[in-house]
Amino acid sequence: PVFNMAGRALGSLRELRVHLCQTGASSKGAREFVEKYYVELKAANPNLPILVRECSGVQPKIWARYAFGKEQSVSAADLSADQVLQQVVNLNTNKL
């Protein structure tokens, strides 16, 4: 199921941004999400910009940009990689 979630097309998104800290404990799941799922997500969505922004001390967040510039974010603090993936899926389907 997780493999299918990572490999699915993110049709409603125009851009996905992951903000995380390179060393912070609360960003551990976000870092693991990037290591575990970035390549698969990008392969399934080659035209979707997926940006990873690292900044020391920042709280991890997932940002989604939709059509007409609408944006939404969700905290990824203290989540596992799989929970971060679920948040991405929720952002894609607007189930927040």
N, C-alpha and C. Protein backbone atom coordinates (compact mmCIF):
# COMPACT_ATOMS: atom_id res chain seq x y z
N PRO A 1 0.81 -1.21 0.00
CA PRO A 1 0.00 0.00 0.00
C PRO A 1 0.86 1.27 0.00
N VAL A 2 1.91 1.31 0.83
CA VAL A 2 2.75 2.50 0.87
C VAL A 2 3.45 2.68 -0.47
N PHE A 3 3.92 1.60 -1.08
CA PHE A 3 4.55 1.69 -2.39
C PHE A 3 3.58 2.30 -3.40
N ASN A 4 2.33 1.86 -3.38
CA ASN A 4 1.33 2.39 -4.29
C ASN A 4 1.09 3.87 -4.03
N MET A 5 1.09 4.27 -2.76
CA MET A 5 0.87 5.69 -2.44
C MET A 5 2.02 6.53 -2.98
N ALA A 6 3.25 6.05 -2.84
CA ALA A 6 4.39 6.83 -3.31
C ALA A 6 4.43 6.89 -4.83
N GLY A 7 4.00 5.83 -5.49
CA GLY A 7 4.06 5.77 -6.94
C GLY A 7 2.88 6.41 -7.65
N ARG A 8 1.92 6.90 -6.90
CA ARG A 8 0.72 7.45 -7.52
C ARG A 8 0.97 8.85 -8.08
N ALA A 9 0.17 9.21 -9.04
CA ALA A 9 0.26 10.54 -9.63
C ALA A 9 -0.37 11.56 -8.68
N LEU A 10 0.28 12.68 -8.54
CA LEU A 10 -0.22 13.76 -7.70
C LEU A 10 -0.86 14.80 -8.60
N GLY A 11 -2.04 14.49 -9.12
CA GLY A 11 -2.67 15.27 -10.17
C GLY A 11 -3.12 16.66 -9.80
N SER A 12 -3.60 16.88 -8.58
CA SER A 12 -4.14 18.20 -8.26
C SER A 12 -3.06 19.19 -7.83
N LEU A 13 -1.86 18.71 -7.55
CA LEU A 13 -0.79 19.59 -7.10
C LEU A 13 -0.05 20.23 -8.27
N ARG A 14 0.38 21.47 -8.06
CA ARG A 14 1.22 22.15 -9.06
C ARG A 14 2.67 22.22 -8.58
N GLU A 15 2.88 22.08 -7.24
CA GLU A 15 4.22 22.10 -6.67
C GLU A 15 4.14 21.51 -5.27
N LEU A 16 5.18 20.77 -4.90
CA LEU A 16 5.27 20.21 -3.55
C LEU A 16 6.61 20.65 -2.97
N ARG A 17 6.57 21.20 -1.74
CA ARG A 17 7.79 21.63 -1.07
C ARG A 17 7.88 20.96 0.29
N VAL A 18 9.07 20.48 0.59
CA VAL A 18 9.35 19.88 1.89
C VAL A 18 10.38 20.77 2.58
N HIS A 19 9.98 21.36 3.71
CA HIS A 19 10.91 22.17 4.51
C HIS A 19 11.35 21.33 5.69
N LEU A 20 12.67 21.25 5.91
CA LEU A 20 13.17 20.43 7.00
C LEU A 20 14.51 20.95 7.49
N CYS A 21 14.88 20.48 8.69
CA CYS A 21 16.19 20.77 9.27
C CYS A 21 17.08 19.56 9.01
N GLN A 22 18.34 19.81 8.68
CA GLN A 22 19.27 18.72 8.36
C GLN A 22 19.58 17.84 9.57
N THR A 23 19.47 18.40 10.78
CA THR A 23 19.91 17.66 11.96
C THR A 23 18.85 17.55 13.05
N GLY A 24 17.79 18.33 13.00
CA GLY A 24 16.80 18.37 14.07
C GLY A 24 16.04 17.06 14.22
N ALA A 25 15.78 16.67 15.47
CA ALA A 25 15.07 15.43 15.75
C ALA A 25 13.65 15.44 15.18
N SER A 26 12.98 16.60 15.23
CA SER A 26 11.59 16.64 14.74
C SER A 26 11.51 16.51 13.22
N SER A 27 12.64 16.68 12.53
CA SER A 27 12.68 16.56 11.07
C SER A 27 13.11 15.17 10.60
N LYS A 28 13.36 14.26 11.53
CA LYS A 28 13.87 12.94 11.16
C LYS A 28 12.97 12.25 10.13
N GLY A 29 11.68 12.22 10.37
CA GLY A 29 10.75 11.58 9.45
C GLY A 29 10.72 12.25 8.09
N ALA A 30 10.82 13.58 8.07
CA ALA A 30 10.84 14.32 6.81
C ALA A 30 12.10 13.98 6.01
N ARG A 31 13.23 13.88 6.70
CA ARG A 31 14.48 13.49 6.01
C ARG A 31 14.35 12.07 5.46
N GLU A 32 13.80 11.17 6.26
CA GLU A 32 13.64 9.79 5.81
C GLU A 32 12.64 9.70 4.66
N PHE A 33 11.60 10.55 4.68
CA PHE A 33 10.64 10.60 3.58
C PHE A 33 11.37 10.94 2.27
N VAL A 34 12.24 11.94 2.32
CA VAL A 34 12.97 12.35 1.12
C VAL A 34 13.86 11.20 0.64
N GLU A 35 14.57 10.56 1.58
CA GLU A 35 15.46 9.45 1.21
C GLU A 35 14.69 8.26 0.64
N LYS A 36 13.54 7.97 1.22
CA LYS A 36 12.79 6.76 0.89
C LYS A 36 11.85 6.92 -0.31
N TYR A 37 11.25 8.12 -0.47
CA TYR A 37 10.16 8.27 -1.45
C TYR A 37 10.39 9.31 -2.54
N TYR A 38 11.39 10.17 -2.42
CA TYR A 38 11.55 11.24 -3.42
C TYR A 38 11.67 10.68 -4.84
N VAL A 39 12.56 9.73 -5.04
CA VAL A 39 12.82 9.22 -6.40
C VAL A 39 11.55 8.62 -6.99
N GLU A 40 10.83 7.85 -6.19
CA GLU A 40 9.61 7.20 -6.66
C GLU A 40 8.52 8.23 -6.98
N LEU A 41 8.36 9.22 -6.10
CA LEU A 41 7.36 10.28 -6.35
C LEU A 41 7.71 11.06 -7.62
N LYS A 42 8.99 11.40 -7.77
CA LYS A 42 9.42 12.17 -8.94
C LYS A 42 9.23 11.36 -10.21
N ALA A 43 9.52 10.06 -10.16
CA ALA A 43 9.35 9.21 -11.34
C ALA A 43 7.87 9.13 -11.74
N ALA A 44 6.99 9.10 -10.75
CA ALA A 44 5.55 9.01 -11.03
C ALA A 44 4.97 10.36 -11.44
N ASN A 45 5.70 11.44 -11.14
CA ASN A 45 5.21 12.80 -11.41
C ASN A 45 6.33 13.64 -12.01
N PRO A 46 6.79 13.30 -13.21
CA PRO A 46 7.98 13.97 -13.77
C PRO A 46 7.81 15.47 -14.01
N ASN A 47 6.59 15.95 -14.20
CA ASN A 47 6.38 17.37 -14.46
C ASN A 47 6.03 18.18 -13.22
N LEU A 48 5.96 17.52 -12.06
CA LEU A 48 5.64 18.20 -10.82
C LEU A 48 6.93 18.64 -10.14
N PRO A 49 7.09 19.95 -9.89
CA PRO A 49 8.25 20.38 -9.11
C PRO A 49 8.12 19.87 -7.67
N ILE A 50 9.11 19.11 -7.23
CA ILE A 50 9.18 18.64 -5.85
C ILE A 50 10.46 19.22 -5.27
N LEU A 51 10.31 20.19 -4.39
CA LEU A 51 11.44 20.94 -3.86
C LEU A 51 11.70 20.55 -2.42
N VAL A 52 12.96 20.36 -2.08
CA VAL A 52 13.37 20.07 -0.71
C VAL A 52 14.18 21.25 -0.22
N ARG A 53 13.70 21.89 0.85
CA ARG A 53 14.37 23.06 1.39
C ARG A 53 14.90 22.74 2.77
N GLU A 54 16.21 22.78 2.92
CA GLU A 54 16.84 22.51 4.20
C GLU A 54 17.28 23.82 4.83
N CYS A 55 16.95 23.97 6.11
CA CYS A 55 17.34 25.17 6.84
C CYS A 55 17.55 24.79 8.30
N SER A 56 18.66 25.18 8.86
CA SER A 56 18.98 24.82 10.23
C SER A 56 17.94 25.37 11.20
N GLY A 57 17.42 24.50 12.05
CA GLY A 57 16.49 24.92 13.09
C GLY A 57 15.04 25.06 12.68
N VAL A 58 14.72 24.85 11.42
CA VAL A 58 13.34 25.03 10.95
C VAL A 58 12.48 23.83 11.36
N GLN A 59 11.21 24.08 11.65
CA GLN A 59 10.27 23.00 11.93
C GLN A 59 9.84 22.40 10.59
N PRO A 60 9.78 21.07 10.50
CA PRO A 60 9.44 20.44 9.22
C PRO A 60 7.99 20.70 8.82
N LYS A 61 7.81 21.05 7.55
CA LYS A 61 6.48 21.32 7.00
C LYS A 61 6.43 20.84 5.57
N ILE A 62 5.24 20.44 5.16
CA ILE A 62 4.98 20.08 3.77
C ILE A 62 4.07 21.16 3.20
N TRP A 63 4.49 21.76 2.10
CA TRP A 63 3.71 22.80 1.42
C TRP A 63 3.22 22.27 0.09
N ALA A 64 1.98 22.54 -0.21
CA ALA A 64 1.40 22.17 -1.50
C ALA A 64 0.88 23.43 -2.18
N ARG A 65 1.21 23.57 -3.46
CA ARG A 65 0.65 24.67 -4.25
C ARG A 65 -0.27 24.07 -5.29
N TYR A 66 -1.45 24.67 -5.39
CA TYR A 66 -2.47 24.20 -6.33
C TYR A 66 -2.64 25.24 -7.44
N ALA A 67 -3.60 25.00 -8.30
CA ALA A 67 -3.91 25.95 -9.37
C ALA A 67 -4.26 27.32 -8.77
N PHE A 68 -4.05 28.35 -9.54
CA PHE A 68 -4.36 29.73 -9.17
C PHE A 68 -3.56 30.20 -7.95
N GLY A 69 -2.42 29.55 -7.66
CA GLY A 69 -1.53 30.00 -6.60
C GLY A 69 -1.98 29.68 -5.19
N LYS A 70 -3.06 28.94 -5.03
CA LYS A 70 -3.52 28.57 -3.69
C LYS A 70 -2.50 27.64 -3.06
N GLU A 71 -2.17 27.91 -1.78
CA GLU A 71 -1.20 27.07 -1.07
C GLU A 71 -1.77 26.58 0.24
N GLN A 72 -1.27 25.43 0.66
CA GLN A 72 -1.68 24.85 1.93
C GLN A 72 -0.46 24.16 2.51
N SER A 73 -0.32 24.19 3.83
CA SER A 73 0.80 23.51 4.46
C SER A 73 0.31 22.67 5.62
N VAL A 74 1.14 21.71 5.98
CA VAL A 74 0.84 20.84 7.12
C VAL A 74 2.17 20.54 7.82
N SER A 75 2.13 20.48 9.14
CA SER A 75 3.32 20.18 9.91
C SER A 75 3.74 18.73 9.68
N ALA A 76 5.04 18.52 9.65
CA ALA A 76 5.58 17.17 9.56
C ALA A 76 6.43 16.86 10.79
N ALA A 77 6.28 17.66 11.83
CA ALA A 77 7.09 17.49 13.04
C ALA A 77 6.80 16.16 13.70
N ASP A 78 7.87 15.45 13.98
CA ASP A 78 7.82 14.18 14.72
C ASP A 78 7.01 13.09 14.03
N LEU A 79 6.84 13.19 12.71
CA LEU A 79 6.14 12.15 11.96
C LEU A 79 7.15 11.16 11.40
N SER A 80 6.71 9.94 11.13
CA SER A 80 7.56 8.96 10.44
C SER A 80 7.54 9.27 8.94
N ALA A 81 8.42 8.64 8.19
CA ALA A 81 8.44 8.83 6.73
C ALA A 81 7.10 8.45 6.12
N ASP A 82 6.50 7.34 6.58
CA ASP A 82 5.23 6.91 6.04
C ASP A 82 4.11 7.87 6.39
N GLN A 83 4.17 8.47 7.58
CA GLN A 83 3.17 9.47 7.96
C GLN A 83 3.31 10.73 7.12
N VAL A 84 4.55 11.11 6.80
CA VAL A 84 4.77 12.27 5.92
C VAL A 84 4.19 11.96 4.54
N LEU A 85 4.42 10.76 4.03
CA LEU A 85 3.84 10.36 2.75
C LEU A 85 2.32 10.46 2.79
N GLN A 86 1.71 10.01 3.88
CA GLN A 86 0.25 10.11 4.00
C GLN A 86 -0.20 11.56 3.99
N GLN A 87 0.56 12.46 4.59
CA GLN A 87 0.22 13.88 4.56
C GLN A 87 0.30 14.42 3.14
N VAL A 88 1.28 13.97 2.36
CA VAL A 88 1.38 14.38 0.96
C VAL A 88 0.16 13.92 0.19
N VAL A 89 -0.23 12.66 0.41
CA VAL A 89 -1.43 12.13 -0.25
C VAL A 89 -2.66 12.94 0.17
N ASN A 90 -2.76 13.27 1.46
CA ASN A 90 -3.89 14.07 1.94
C ASN A 90 -3.89 15.46 1.30
N LEU A 91 -2.73 16.07 1.17
CA LEU A 91 -2.66 17.38 0.51
C LEU A 91 -3.12 17.27 -0.94
N ASN A 92 -2.75 16.18 -1.59
CA ASN A 92 -3.14 15.98 -2.99
C ASN A 92 -4.64 15.82 -3.13
N THR A 93 -5.28 15.18 -2.17
CA THR A 93 -6.71 14.94 -2.26
C THR A 93 -7.51 15.93 -1.41
N ASN A 94 -6.81 16.90 -0.81
CA ASN A 94 -7.43 17.93 0.04
C ASN A 94 -8.21 17.33 1.20
N LYS A 95 -7.67 16.26 1.78
CA LYS A 95 -8.31 15.61 2.93
C LYS A 95 -7.66 16.04 4.22
N LEU A 96 -7.59 17.33 4.44
CA LEU A 96 -6.98 17.82 5.69
C LEU A 96 -8.04 18.48 6.55
